[in-house]
Amino acid sequence: MPVMSVFPDLQPAAVWQHFATLCATPRASKQEAALRDQLQTWAGEKGLNVTVDRSGNLILRKPATPGRERAPGVVLQAHLDMVCQKNSGSAHDFARDPIVPVLRDGWLLAEGTTLGADNGIGVALILAAMADDTLAHGPLEALLTVDEEDGMGGARGLAPGLLQASLMLNLDTEAWGEFYLGCAGGLDVDVRREGRGEPVPDGWSIRRIALQGLRGGHSGVDIHEERGNALKLLVGVLHDLAGVIPYRLAALTGGTARNALPREAFATLALPDAEMLDAWLATTQAALRELLRGVDDGLTLLAEPATATEVMSGEEQFAWLASLHAAPHGVRRMSRALPGVVETSNNLGMADIGPAGGSANFMVRSLVDRAATALADEIVSLFALAGTEAEKSGQYPGWKPDPDSPLLQTCQAVYRRDFGADSKVQVIHAGLECGIIGAKYPGLDIVSFGPTIHGAHAPGERVEVASVERCWRLLRAILETLGSPPNP
């Protein structure tokens, strides 16, 4: 497997070598086949049992160390795909180009793109464990799923009865020192509307407004930080502008991933007189920066000349902008059962609208499945008032915490023994595959942990190198403890 120049001095070498392979191999959601084929060949050379299921998930099996055959089997689980986000102006092609990481102040990061540490580090840890002949363990299975970031298609398609183990370690969380025992479920609301364009009025000027410079981030993990949503902010700008300068909308676009906070949004307008626009945008930019002070200080709001041949009808423009302006975004409710944890939220993640119509996507999350459905129904009803089609899709269950989990007790005990401190137990508002897999395998005892990752789902994503080494030590220690021969 190839090793990129940044990796040779990093420890543990086995883990970073596998992550180098993931960085070198494009792996957008639904485009994991090349990576899966490469890992399948590697696993066969290592003597592992290899299966690719009907959904494209890669399943590796390794028999127990001699003398530990009676230990409980453990599934090690992560997903192969990554969120593909880049800054505007970047020439990176996620279908072709490798990720190029840099090492800075103890962190490995990508500049201008996502790194794919979510969940590539989890995959690398699992591959290193499956290949480690010095590790004493019980029966091991590796479940490396596909399409997690774009609807959890791999987990959804996993057949009951395929896995044999009774325990599962998911390696898809992003805070070292914490064990996760539950997560939000969710679903999508897909909005579509057809339209018919009209010619640009004679003599009108065309301008493209760009709202950029936001931090973005994970629409579950970061939603409580009240970071700016570029689409919602730009719709608000257009709403205010209508009271100052008449205009017709030719296009509104923003966001490239349903589960990421939009960092950029763009609107192309036709105006009878554009002279006032720049000064008005400067004043509005100052107001938005004040609104987002300390959260998104890099916001910019600028206009430049553009071209367009058609604009939306006045009716279509009103239907889209009024609905998007009124649509909810952000935290709906905090959990009463779990203080400090978001219970229900939604994210306007993508929009692509023009004179001929367009689409938008909302991703709804909740620890309570009924609450997720209720919020999605509100969004559907809102768009119905404007005669706009909106459909719910892709609902997946949350992962209900089990505070009495024997696997959790083992993980906590190993952490305390090896790191001299108590770990934390958390429930995450992001969606993990644990809920879907657990529903297919009732009684499967599941715990999730991982290294420290910041900025997942946004350019500049980074992982703390030292936490990866600690995570590797913890994973090996847990597997050795679980695989210890039973007392006679």
Protein backbone atom coordinates (compact mmCIF):
# COMPACT_ATOMS: atom_id res chain seq x y z
CA MET A 1 0.00 0.00 0.00
CA PRO A 2 1.35 3.46 -0.86
CA VAL A 3 2.71 5.78 1.81
CA MET A 4 2.50 9.53 1.18
CA SER A 5 5.35 11.81 2.24
CA VAL A 6 3.65 13.16 5.37
CA PHE A 7 3.11 9.74 6.94
CA PRO A 8 6.45 7.88 7.39
CA ASP A 9 7.34 9.44 10.77
CA LEU A 10 3.85 9.12 12.30
CA GLN A 11 3.02 6.48 14.86
CA PRO A 12 1.48 3.96 14.96
CA ALA A 13 2.92 3.26 11.52
CA ALA A 14 0.44 0.50 10.68
CA VAL A 15 -2.55 2.79 11.19
CA TRP A 16 -1.12 5.72 9.25
CA GLN A 17 -0.06 3.48 6.39
CA HIS A 18 -3.66 2.42 5.92
CA PHE A 19 -4.89 6.00 6.18
CA ALA A 20 -2.38 6.95 3.47
CA THR A 21 -4.08 4.43 1.21
CA LEU A 22 -7.46 5.99 1.94
CA CYS A 23 -6.13 9.46 1.18
CA ALA A 24 -4.67 8.24 -2.11
CA THR A 25 -7.89 6.56 -3.25
CA PRO A 26 -11.00 8.63 -4.09
CA ARG A 27 -13.97 7.45 -2.01
CA ALA A 28 -16.99 9.67 -2.33
CA SER A 29 -20.29 8.16 -1.28
CA LYS A 30 -21.51 5.60 -3.82
CA GLN A 31 -18.05 5.66 -5.42
CA GLU A 32 -16.17 3.39 -3.02
CA ALA A 33 -15.71 0.45 -5.42
CA ALA A 34 -12.06 1.16 -6.29
CA LEU A 35 -11.09 1.41 -2.63
CA ARG A 36 -13.13 -1.65 -1.69
CA ASP A 37 -11.50 -3.69 -4.46
CA GLN A 38 -8.07 -2.60 -3.31
CA LEU A 39 -8.82 -3.54 0.31
CA GLN A 40 -10.35 -6.82 -0.79
CA THR A 41 -7.14 -7.78 -2.57
CA TRP A 42 -5.06 -6.71 0.43
CA ALA A 43 -7.22 -8.72 2.83
CA GLY A 44 -6.94 -11.82 0.68
CA GLU A 45 -3.16 -11.51 0.70
CA LYS A 46 -3.31 -11.30 4.52
CA GLY A 47 -5.29 -14.54 4.70
CA LEU A 48 -8.47 -12.91 5.96
CA ASN A 49 -11.87 -14.23 4.99
CA VAL A 50 -13.45 -11.69 2.62
CA THR A 51 -17.10 -11.08 1.74
CA VAL A 52 -18.74 -8.28 -0.25
CA ASP A 53 -22.47 -8.24 0.46
CA ARG A 54 -25.30 -7.27 -1.87
CA SER A 55 -25.05 -3.61 -0.83
CA GLY A 56 -21.31 -3.37 -1.44
CA ASN A 57 -20.21 -3.55 2.20
CA LEU A 58 -16.83 -5.18 2.79
CA ILE A 59 -16.78 -7.80 5.55
CA LEU A 60 -13.49 -9.28 6.77
CA ARG A 61 -13.20 -12.15 9.24
CA LYS A 62 -10.24 -13.28 11.30
CA PRO A 63 -10.36 -16.35 13.54
CA ALA A 64 -9.55 -16.10 17.21
CA THR A 65 -6.01 -16.41 18.51
CA PRO A 66 -5.49 -20.08 19.45
CA GLY A 67 -6.87 -20.69 22.93
CA ARG A 68 -9.32 -17.77 22.68
CA GLU A 69 -11.93 -19.34 20.46
CA ARG A 70 -14.56 -19.24 23.22
CA ALA A 71 -14.26 -15.47 23.71
CA PRO A 72 -17.18 -13.40 22.45
CA GLY A 73 -16.91 -12.31 18.85
CA VAL A 74 -16.39 -8.61 18.13
CA VAL A 75 -17.46 -6.60 15.08
CA LEU A 76 -15.21 -3.62 14.27
CA GLN A 77 -17.27 -1.17 12.25
CA ALA A 78 -16.59 1.98 10.21
CA HIS A 79 -17.57 3.40 6.83
CA LEU A 80 -15.44 3.67 3.69
CA ASP A 81 -16.89 6.85 2.18
CA MET A 82 -16.15 10.46 3.07
CA VAL A 83 -17.87 13.84 2.76
CA CYS A 84 -16.40 15.67 -0.23
CA GLN A 85 -16.31 19.41 0.45
CA LYS A 86 -13.92 21.98 -0.97
CA ASN A 87 -13.54 25.74 -0.99
CA SER A 88 -14.80 27.56 -4.06
CA GLY A 89 -11.98 28.11 -6.47
CA SER A 90 -10.32 24.81 -5.56
CA ALA A 91 -9.47 22.67 -8.57
CA HIS A 92 -9.59 19.46 -6.52
CA ASP A 93 -11.55 16.65 -8.21
CA PHE A 94 -12.81 14.21 -5.58
CA ALA A 95 -13.45 11.58 -8.26
CA ARG A 96 -9.83 11.58 -9.37
CA ASP A 97 -7.42 13.47 -7.12
CA PRO A 98 -5.84 12.17 -3.89
CA ILE A 99 -6.29 14.04 -0.64
CA VAL A 100 -3.02 15.80 0.21
CA PRO A 101 -2.64 16.06 4.01
CA VAL A 102 -0.25 18.35 5.84
CA LEU A 103 1.09 18.07 9.38
CA ARG A 104 0.80 21.18 11.53
CA ASP A 105 1.24 21.57 15.29
CA GLY A 106 0.35 17.96 16.04
CA TRP A 107 -2.65 17.85 13.70
CA LEU A 108 -3.03 16.24 10.30
CA LEU A 109 -5.26 18.33 8.06
CA ALA A 110 -6.29 19.05 4.50
CA GLU A 111 -6.12 22.61 3.21
CA GLY A 112 -9.04 23.61 1.04
CA THR A 113 -10.81 20.22 1.18
CA THR A 114 -12.11 17.74 3.67
CA LEU A 115 -9.52 15.29 4.96
CA GLY A 116 -11.67 12.18 5.27
CA ALA A 117 -10.52 11.42 8.81
CA ASP A 118 -14.27 10.94 9.24
CA ASN A 119 -14.30 7.94 8.96
CA GLY A 120 -11.01 7.04 7.35
CA ILE A 121 -9.15 6.92 10.66
CA GLY A 122 -11.71 4.41 11.95
CA VAL A 123 -11.18 2.27 8.86
CA ALA A 124 -7.40 2.51 9.24
CA LEU A 125 -7.57 1.45 12.90
CA ILE A 126 -9.69 -1.56 11.97
CA LEU A 127 -7.43 -2.66 9.12
CA ALA A 128 -4.39 -2.37 11.37
CA ALA A 129 -6.10 -4.53 14.02
CA MET A 130 -7.14 -7.16 11.48
CA ALA A 131 -3.53 -7.40 10.23
CA ASP A 132 -1.81 -7.37 13.64
CA ASP A 133 -0.38 -10.83 14.32
CA THR A 134 0.85 -9.75 17.77
CA LEU A 135 -2.67 -8.99 19.00
CA ALA A 136 -4.32 -11.71 21.11
CA HIS A 137 -8.06 -11.65 20.49
CA GLY A 138 -11.28 -13.58 20.13
CA PRO A 139 -13.12 -13.97 16.80
CA LEU A 140 -13.05 -10.70 14.84
CA GLU A 141 -15.23 -9.34 12.06
CA ALA A 142 -14.67 -6.04 10.27
CA LEU A 143 -17.74 -4.39 8.78
CA LEU A 144 -16.72 -1.58 6.43
CA THR A 145 -19.87 -0.04 5.03
CA VAL A 146 -20.51 2.09 1.97
CA ASP A 147 -22.68 5.16 1.39
CA GLU A 148 -22.87 6.21 5.03
CA GLU A 149 -22.58 9.92 4.36
CA ASP A 150 -25.27 10.02 1.69
CA GLY A 151 -28.10 8.08 3.34
CA MET A 152 -26.51 5.14 5.20
CA GLY A 153 -27.22 2.88 2.25
CA GLY A 154 -24.69 0.26 3.24
CA ALA A 155 -26.06 -0.19 6.76
CA ARG A 156 -29.62 -0.17 5.43
CA GLY A 157 -28.80 -2.96 3.00
CA LEU A 158 -26.94 -5.12 5.54
CA ALA A 159 -28.71 -8.47 5.77
CA PRO A 160 -29.72 -9.87 9.17
CA GLY A 161 -27.80 -13.02 10.05
CA LEU A 162 -24.65 -12.07 8.16
CA LEU A 163 -22.69 -10.99 11.24
CA GLN A 164 -21.87 -13.59 13.87
CA ALA A 165 -20.48 -11.57 16.79
CA SER A 166 -22.34 -10.45 19.91
CA LEU A 167 -20.33 -7.22 20.48
CA MET A 168 -19.62 -4.26 18.21
CA LEU A 169 -17.09 -1.43 18.43
CA ASN A 170 -18.02 1.43 16.12
CA LEU A 171 -15.05 3.73 15.39
CA ASP A 172 -16.90 6.74 14.00
CA THR A 173 -16.92 9.33 16.78
CA GLU A 174 -14.64 12.31 17.11
CA ALA A 175 -13.72 13.08 20.73
CA TRP A 176 -10.95 11.13 22.45
CA GLY A 177 -11.75 10.08 26.01
CA GLU A 178 -15.45 9.67 25.36
CA PHE A 179 -17.49 6.54 24.78
CA TYR A 180 -20.72 6.99 22.84
CA LEU A 181 -23.75 4.94 23.70
CA GLY A 182 -26.49 6.49 21.59
CA CYS A 183 -27.13 8.73 18.61
CA ALA A 184 -29.83 10.61 16.76
CA GLY A 185 -31.93 9.15 14.02
CA GLY A 186 -33.13 11.20 11.11
CA LEU A 187 -34.61 11.61 7.68
CA ASP A 188 -34.53 13.92 4.66
CA VAL A 189 -37.09 16.30 3.25
CA ASP A 190 -36.57 16.69 -0.49
CA VAL A 191 -38.22 19.78 -2.00
CA ARG A 192 -38.87 20.16 -5.75
CA ARG A 193 -40.72 22.72 -7.81
CA GLU A 194 -40.98 23.26 -11.54
CA GLY A 195 -41.06 26.71 -13.10
CA ARG A 196 -40.93 28.56 -16.37
CA GLY A 197 -38.39 31.25 -17.05
CA GLU A 198 -38.99 34.72 -18.39
CA PRO A 199 -36.60 36.93 -20.39
CA VAL A 200 -34.42 39.36 -18.49
CA PRO A 201 -36.14 42.78 -18.69
CA ASP A 202 -34.55 45.09 -21.24
CA GLY A 203 -31.81 47.29 -19.87
CA TRP A 204 -31.51 45.49 -16.53
CA SER A 205 -28.09 44.68 -15.07
CA ILE A 206 -27.02 41.22 -13.90
CA ARG A 207 -25.14 40.75 -10.65
CA ARG A 208 -24.03 37.62 -8.80
CA ILE A 209 -24.10 37.95 -5.02
CA ALA A 210 -21.72 35.64 -3.14
CA LEU A 211 -22.05 34.96 0.59
CA GLN A 212 -18.86 33.15 1.62
CA GLY A 213 -16.31 32.69 4.37
CA LEU A 214 -18.40 30.67 6.82
CA ARG A 215 -16.94 27.81 8.85
CA GLY A 216 -19.52 25.21 7.86
CA GLY A 217 -19.18 21.90 9.63
CA HIS A 218 -21.12 18.78 10.55
CA SER A 219 -24.86 19.38 10.59
CA GLY A 220 -25.24 17.16 13.64
CA VAL A 221 -22.07 17.63 15.67
CA ASP A 222 -21.83 21.41 15.13
CA ILE A 223 -25.49 22.41 14.89
CA HIS A 224 -25.65 23.67 18.49
CA GLU A 225 -22.83 26.17 17.90
CA GLU A 226 -25.21 28.35 15.85
CA ARG A 227 -22.76 28.68 13.00
CA GLY A 228 -24.05 30.53 9.99
CA ASN A 229 -25.95 28.67 7.29
CA ALA A 230 -25.02 30.39 4.03
CA LEU A 231 -28.29 29.49 2.32
CA LYS A 232 -30.51 30.75 5.13
CA LEU A 233 -28.45 33.91 5.46
CA LEU A 234 -28.53 34.66 1.75
CA VAL A 235 -32.28 34.08 1.57
CA GLY A 236 -32.59 36.60 4.40
CA VAL A 237 -30.43 39.05 2.45
CA LEU A 238 -32.68 38.65 -0.60
CA HIS A 239 -35.76 39.12 1.55
CA ASP A 240 -34.40 42.42 2.89
CA LEU A 241 -33.12 43.56 -0.50
CA ALA A 242 -36.61 43.30 -2.00
CA GLY A 243 -37.69 46.22 0.19
CA VAL A 244 -34.85 48.40 -1.11
CA ILE A 245 -34.18 47.54 -4.75
CA PRO A 246 -36.59 45.70 -7.07
CA TYR A 247 -34.97 42.64 -8.64
CA ARG A 248 -35.71 39.37 -10.35
CA LEU A 249 -33.96 36.18 -9.30
CA ALA A 250 -32.18 34.14 -11.96
CA ALA A 251 -30.50 31.54 -9.74
CA LEU A 252 -29.96 30.56 -6.11
CA THR A 253 -27.44 27.86 -5.24
CA GLY A 254 -25.58 26.74 -2.12
CA GLY A 255 -24.38 23.72 -0.21
CA THR A 256 -23.03 20.49 -1.67
CA ALA A 257 -23.78 17.93 1.05
CA ARG A 258 -27.00 17.21 2.92
CA ASN A 259 -25.19 16.62 6.20
CA ALA A 260 -22.91 19.67 6.11
CA LEU A 261 -23.67 23.26 7.11
CA PRO A 262 -23.51 25.31 3.87
CA ARG A 263 -20.42 27.54 3.88
CA GLU A 264 -21.22 29.39 0.64
CA ALA A 265 -24.30 30.45 -1.29
CA PHE A 266 -24.78 32.43 -4.49
CA ALA A 267 -27.66 34.37 -6.05
CA THR A 268 -27.79 35.77 -9.58
CA LEU A 269 -30.10 38.77 -9.91
CA ALA A 270 -31.39 41.11 -12.57
CA LEU A 271 -31.81 44.71 -11.36
CA PRO A 272 -33.05 47.86 -13.06
CA ASP A 273 -30.30 49.86 -11.36
CA ALA A 274 -27.33 48.21 -9.65
CA GLU A 275 -25.63 51.39 -8.42
CA MET A 276 -26.99 51.08 -4.87
CA LEU A 277 -26.24 47.38 -4.53
CA ASP A 278 -22.58 47.44 -3.44
CA ALA A 279 -23.14 50.02 -0.72
CA TRP A 280 -26.21 48.20 0.56
CA LEU A 281 -24.33 44.86 0.63
CA ALA A 282 -21.46 46.44 2.57
CA THR A 283 -23.89 47.65 5.23
CA THR A 284 -25.59 44.25 5.31
CA GLN A 285 -22.24 42.46 5.57
CA ALA A 286 -21.39 44.52 8.65
CA ALA A 287 -24.75 43.66 10.21
CA LEU A 288 -24.30 39.93 9.52
CA ARG A 289 -20.79 39.95 10.95
CA GLU A 290 -22.15 41.55 14.09
CA LEU A 291 -24.87 38.90 14.24
CA LEU A 292 -22.28 36.12 13.93
CA ARG A 293 -19.53 37.76 15.99
CA GLY A 294 -17.27 35.13 17.55
CA VAL A 295 -18.91 32.36 15.54
CA ASP A 296 -18.34 33.16 11.86
CA ASP A 297 -16.15 36.23 11.73
CA GLY A 298 -14.96 35.52 8.17
CA LEU A 299 -18.30 36.15 6.45
CA THR A 300 -18.13 38.15 3.21
CA LEU A 301 -21.00 39.45 1.08
CA LEU A 302 -20.00 40.76 -2.34
CA ALA A 303 -21.47 41.23 -5.82
CA GLU A 304 -19.87 41.05 -9.23
CA PRO A 305 -21.12 41.42 -12.81
CA ALA A 306 -22.62 38.25 -14.26
CA THR A 307 -24.71 37.01 -17.16
CA ALA A 308 -28.19 35.53 -17.40
CA THR A 309 -30.74 35.13 -20.15
CA GLU A 310 -33.78 34.25 -18.03
CA VAL A 311 -35.21 35.04 -14.62
CA MET A 312 -37.90 33.42 -12.51
CA SER A 313 -41.45 34.61 -12.76
CA GLY A 314 -42.50 36.85 -9.91
CA GLU A 315 -44.79 34.12 -8.57
CA GLU A 316 -42.06 31.47 -8.58
CA GLN A 317 -39.55 33.83 -6.99
CA PHE A 318 -41.96 34.64 -4.18
CA ALA A 319 -42.87 30.97 -3.60
CA TRP A 320 -39.25 29.89 -3.25
CA LEU A 321 -37.92 32.79 -1.22
CA ALA A 322 -40.88 33.04 1.15
CA SER A 323 -40.83 29.31 1.84
CA LEU A 324 -37.07 29.09 2.37
CA HIS A 325 -37.14 32.21 4.53
CA ALA A 326 -39.87 30.73 6.76
CA ALA A 327 -38.40 27.22 6.88
CA PRO A 328 -36.81 26.19 10.18
CA HIS A 329 -33.10 25.60 10.56
CA GLY A 330 -30.95 24.73 13.55
CA VAL A 331 -31.76 23.37 17.00
CA ARG A 332 -35.45 22.79 17.60
CA ARG A 333 -35.21 21.28 21.07
CA MET A 334 -32.57 20.33 23.64
CA SER A 335 -32.91 17.01 25.42
CA ARG A 336 -34.44 17.06 28.88
CA ALA A 337 -33.27 13.51 29.57
CA LEU A 338 -29.67 14.26 28.53
CA PRO A 339 -28.73 17.82 29.59
CA GLY A 340 -26.53 19.63 27.11
CA VAL A 341 -27.39 17.29 24.23
CA VAL A 342 -29.42 18.41 21.23
CA GLU A 343 -32.60 16.39 20.88
CA THR A 344 -34.03 17.64 17.56
CA SER A 345 -32.63 19.80 14.75
CA ASN A 346 -32.65 20.29 11.02
CA ASN A 347 -30.31 21.65 8.39
CA LEU A 348 -31.08 23.31 5.06
CA GLY A 349 -28.10 21.67 3.40
CA MET A 350 -28.49 22.21 -0.34
CA ALA A 351 -30.44 24.28 -2.83
CA ASP A 352 -30.17 24.60 -6.61
CA ILE A 353 -32.91 26.82 -8.04
CA GLY A 354 -33.30 28.52 -11.41
CA PRO A 355 -35.95 29.80 -13.82
CA ALA A 356 -37.01 26.26 -14.81
CA GLY A 357 -37.44 25.20 -11.20
CA GLY A 358 -35.18 23.55 -8.70
CA SER A 359 -34.69 21.58 -5.52
CA ALA A 360 -33.66 21.91 -1.91
CA ASN A 361 -32.85 19.42 0.84
CA PHE A 362 -33.43 19.52 4.58
CA MET A 363 -31.87 16.92 6.88
CA VAL A 364 -33.79 16.39 10.11
CA ARG A 365 -32.22 14.69 13.14
CA SER A 366 -33.60 13.68 16.54
CA LEU A 367 -32.93 11.38 19.46
CA VAL A 368 -36.69 10.75 19.38
CA ASP A 369 -37.88 9.20 16.12
CA ARG A 370 -41.38 10.63 16.49
CA ALA A 371 -39.95 14.14 16.93
CA ALA A 372 -37.92 13.81 13.74
CA THR A 373 -41.02 12.80 11.81
CA ALA A 374 -43.04 15.66 13.32
CA LEU A 375 -40.47 18.30 12.32
CA ALA A 376 -40.19 16.85 8.82
CA ASP A 377 -43.98 17.00 8.52
CA GLU A 378 -43.89 20.69 9.46
CA ILE A 379 -41.43 21.39 6.64
CA VAL A 380 -43.53 19.43 4.15
CA SER A 381 -46.64 21.35 5.24
CA LEU A 382 -44.88 24.71 4.95
CA PHE A 383 -43.91 24.11 1.32
CA ALA A 384 -47.37 22.72 0.56
CA LEU A 385 -48.81 26.15 1.36
CA ALA A 386 -46.94 27.46 -1.70
CA GLY A 387 -47.92 24.49 -3.83
CA THR A 388 -44.40 23.08 -3.71
CA GLU A 389 -43.76 19.34 -3.66
CA ALA A 390 -41.88 18.10 -0.59
CA GLU A 391 -41.33 14.46 0.30
CA LYS A 392 -39.85 12.66 3.28
CA SER A 393 -37.25 10.00 2.54
CA GLY A 394 -34.53 7.83 4.01
CA GLN A 395 -35.65 7.70 7.63
CA TYR A 396 -33.28 5.78 9.89
CA PRO A 397 -33.67 4.97 13.58
CA GLY A 398 -31.74 6.45 16.44
CA TRP A 399 -29.52 4.34 18.66
CA LYS A 400 -31.10 4.06 22.09
CA PRO A 401 -28.57 4.24 24.96
CA ASP A 402 -28.09 1.22 27.21
CA PRO A 403 -26.32 2.53 30.33
CA ASP A 404 -26.03 -1.04 31.67
CA SER A 405 -24.05 -2.25 28.64
CA PRO A 406 -21.45 -4.84 29.71
CA LEU A 407 -19.29 -3.79 26.76
CA LEU A 408 -19.34 -0.19 28.00
CA GLN A 409 -18.24 -1.35 31.45
CA THR A 410 -15.31 -3.23 29.92
CA CYS A 411 -14.31 -0.23 27.79
CA GLN A 412 -14.45 2.12 30.78
CA ALA A 413 -12.42 -0.24 32.94
CA VAL A 414 -9.71 -0.64 30.28
CA TYR A 415 -9.54 3.12 29.74
CA ARG A 416 -9.20 3.76 33.49
CA ARG A 417 -6.52 1.09 33.85
CA ASP A 418 -4.41 2.15 30.86
CA PHE A 419 -4.86 5.93 30.87
CA GLY A 420 -5.26 6.66 34.57
CA ALA A 421 -8.45 8.66 34.25
CA ASP A 422 -12.19 8.21 33.96
CA SER A 423 -13.75 8.39 30.52
CA LYS A 424 -16.98 10.17 29.67
CA VAL A 425 -20.16 8.58 28.36
CA GLN A 426 -21.98 10.58 25.71
CA VAL A 427 -24.88 10.52 23.31
CA ILE A 428 -24.18 12.17 19.95
CA HIS A 429 -26.61 14.21 17.88
CA ALA A 430 -24.95 13.03 14.67
CA GLY A 431 -26.23 9.89 12.99
CA LEU A 432 -24.20 6.73 13.42
CA GLU A 433 -24.89 3.41 11.74
CA CYS A 434 -25.26 1.77 15.15
CA GLY A 435 -29.02 2.30 15.31
CA ILE A 436 -29.64 0.69 11.92
CA ILE A 437 -27.28 -2.22 12.58
CA GLY A 438 -28.64 -2.71 16.10
CA ALA A 439 -32.19 -2.91 14.75
CA LYS A 440 -31.12 -5.69 12.40
CA TYR A 441 -29.20 -7.50 15.14
CA PRO A 442 -31.23 -7.28 18.37
CA GLY A 443 -29.10 -7.86 21.43
CA LEU A 444 -25.88 -6.70 19.78
CA ASP A 445 -23.97 -4.77 22.48
CA ILE A 446 -22.50 -1.62 20.85
CA VAL A 447 -20.09 1.10 21.98
CA SER A 448 -18.49 3.80 19.84
CA PHE A 449 -15.23 5.73 20.28
CA GLY A 450 -12.56 7.42 18.20
CA PRO A 451 -9.74 9.98 18.08
CA THR A 452 -10.21 13.75 18.22
CA ILE A 453 -11.37 15.17 14.88
CA HIS A 454 -12.27 18.82 14.36
CA GLY A 455 -14.12 20.33 11.42
CA ALA A 456 -15.57 17.15 9.95
CA HIS A 457 -17.60 17.76 6.79
CA ALA A 458 -15.80 21.05 6.06
CA PRO A 459 -12.54 22.06 4.35
CA GLY A 460 -9.71 22.19 6.86
CA GLU A 461 -10.92 19.04 8.64
CA ARG A 462 -8.16 17.81 10.96
CA VAL A 463 -7.33 14.94 13.28
CA GLU A 464 -5.09 15.09 16.34
CA VAL A 465 -2.16 12.75 15.71
CA ALA A 466 -1.53 11.93 19.38
CA SER A 467 -5.16 10.90 19.89
CA VAL A 468 -4.87 8.39 17.03
CA GLU A 469 -1.99 6.69 18.84
CA ARG A 470 -3.99 6.61 22.07
CA CYS A 471 -7.00 5.25 20.21
CA TRP A 472 -4.87 2.45 18.78
CA ARG A 473 -3.61 1.52 22.23
CA LEU A 474 -7.15 1.53 23.58
CA LEU A 475 -8.54 -0.58 20.74
CA ARG A 476 -5.81 -3.21 21.16
CA ALA A 477 -6.30 -3.29 24.93
CA ILE A 478 -10.08 -3.68 24.68
CA LEU A 479 -9.76 -6.48 22.14
CA GLU A 480 -7.19 -8.29 24.25
CA THR A 481 -9.36 -7.92 27.36
CA LEU A 482 -12.47 -9.14 25.59
CA GLY A 483 -10.50 -12.01 24.12
CA SER A 484 -9.03 -13.19 27.41
CA PRO A 485 -9.67 -16.90 28.02
CA PRO A 486 -12.67 -17.42 30.30
CA ASN A 487 -11.97 -18.39 33.87
CA PRO A 488 -11.91 -22.16 34.32
